[in-house]
Amino acid sequence: PESLTAREHDVLRLFAAGLSGKEVAARLGLSPKTVDRRRGDVLRKLDAVSMAEAVATAYRWGLVSGRPADDDA
């Protein structure tokens, strides 16, 4: 699979922590539209049809672990 950018990884970690798109945008200082774009990029790169599938893949591949939402607090 294609490598995720640092920002895509940030978005993925926060979605994995259960944050909504709006919460991810606020946490990262991005617009919700930008988060949607990054989310789409993550789905494409991980060959996933949903964010739940992308998150499951990310855990399986070790791209995310633990409590990622606490990392950026």
Protein backbone atom coordinates (compact mmCIF):
# COMPACT_ATOMS: atom_id res chain seq x y z
CA PRO A 1 0.00 0.00 0.00
CA GLU A 2 0.93 3.61 -0.49
CA SER A 3 2.51 5.31 2.53
CA LEU A 4 0.42 7.72 4.57
CA THR A 5 1.62 11.27 5.02
CA ALA A 6 2.17 12.53 8.55
CA ARG A 7 -1.11 14.47 8.41
CA GLU A 8 -3.04 11.46 7.09
CA HIS A 9 -1.60 9.42 9.94
CA ASP A 10 -2.73 12.09 12.42
CA VAL A 11 -6.25 12.01 10.97
CA LEU A 12 -6.34 8.22 11.06
CA ARG A 13 -5.13 8.10 14.70
CA LEU A 14 -7.81 10.53 15.81
CA PHE A 15 -10.58 8.70 13.95
CA ALA A 16 -9.28 5.49 15.55
CA ALA A 17 -9.68 7.18 18.94
CA GLY A 18 -13.36 7.72 18.15
CA LEU A 19 -13.32 11.42 17.30
CA SER A 20 -15.77 12.78 14.74
CA GLY A 21 -14.65 14.63 11.63
CA LYS A 22 -15.44 17.97 13.27
CA GLU A 23 -13.50 16.99 16.39
CA VAL A 24 -10.52 15.89 14.28
CA ALA A 25 -10.63 19.21 12.42
CA ALA A 26 -10.69 21.18 15.68
CA ARG A 27 -7.90 19.11 17.23
CA LEU A 28 -5.63 19.53 14.19
CA GLY A 29 -6.60 23.10 13.34
CA LEU A 30 -7.96 22.08 9.94
CA SER A 31 -11.24 22.73 8.19
CA PRO A 32 -13.76 19.88 8.19
CA LYS A 33 -13.48 19.84 4.40
CA THR A 34 -9.72 19.25 4.63
CA VAL A 35 -10.30 16.43 7.12
CA ASP A 36 -12.80 14.88 4.69
CA ARG A 37 -10.19 15.07 1.93
CA ARG A 38 -7.51 13.47 4.13
CA ARG A 39 -10.00 10.81 5.21
CA GLY A 40 -10.62 9.98 1.56
CA ASP A 41 -6.88 9.77 0.94
CA VAL A 42 -6.50 7.37 3.89
CA LEU A 43 -9.32 5.17 2.61
CA ARG A 44 -7.79 5.04 -0.85
CA LYS A 45 -4.27 4.32 0.38
CA LEU A 46 -5.44 1.59 2.77
CA ASP A 47 -7.84 0.21 0.15
CA ALA A 48 -10.72 0.53 2.62
CA VAL A 49 -14.39 1.27 1.95
CA SER A 50 -15.07 2.81 5.37
CA MET A 51 -13.16 4.50 8.15
CA ALA A 52 -13.97 1.53 10.40
CA GLU A 53 -12.22 -0.76 7.92
CA ALA A 54 -9.29 1.67 7.65
CA VAL A 55 -8.96 1.80 11.45
CA ALA A 56 -9.08 -2.01 11.70
CA THR A 57 -6.38 -2.24 9.02
CA ALA A 58 -4.31 0.40 10.81
CA TYR A 59 -4.42 -1.56 14.08
CA ARG A 60 -3.61 -4.81 12.28
CA TRP A 61 -0.59 -3.22 10.57
CA GLY A 62 0.55 -1.42 13.73
CA LEU A 63 -0.09 2.05 12.32
CA VAL A 64 -2.07 3.00 15.43
CA SER A 65 -2.11 1.65 18.97
CA GLY A 66 -3.12 2.55 22.49
CA ARG A 67 -5.02 5.76 23.06
CA PRO A 68 -4.06 8.03 20.15
CA ALA A 69 -6.40 10.91 21.07
CA ASP A 70 -4.34 11.55 24.20
CA ASP A 71 -1.14 12.04 22.18
CA ASP A 72 -2.14 15.48 20.91
CA ALA A 73 -3.95 16.80 23.99
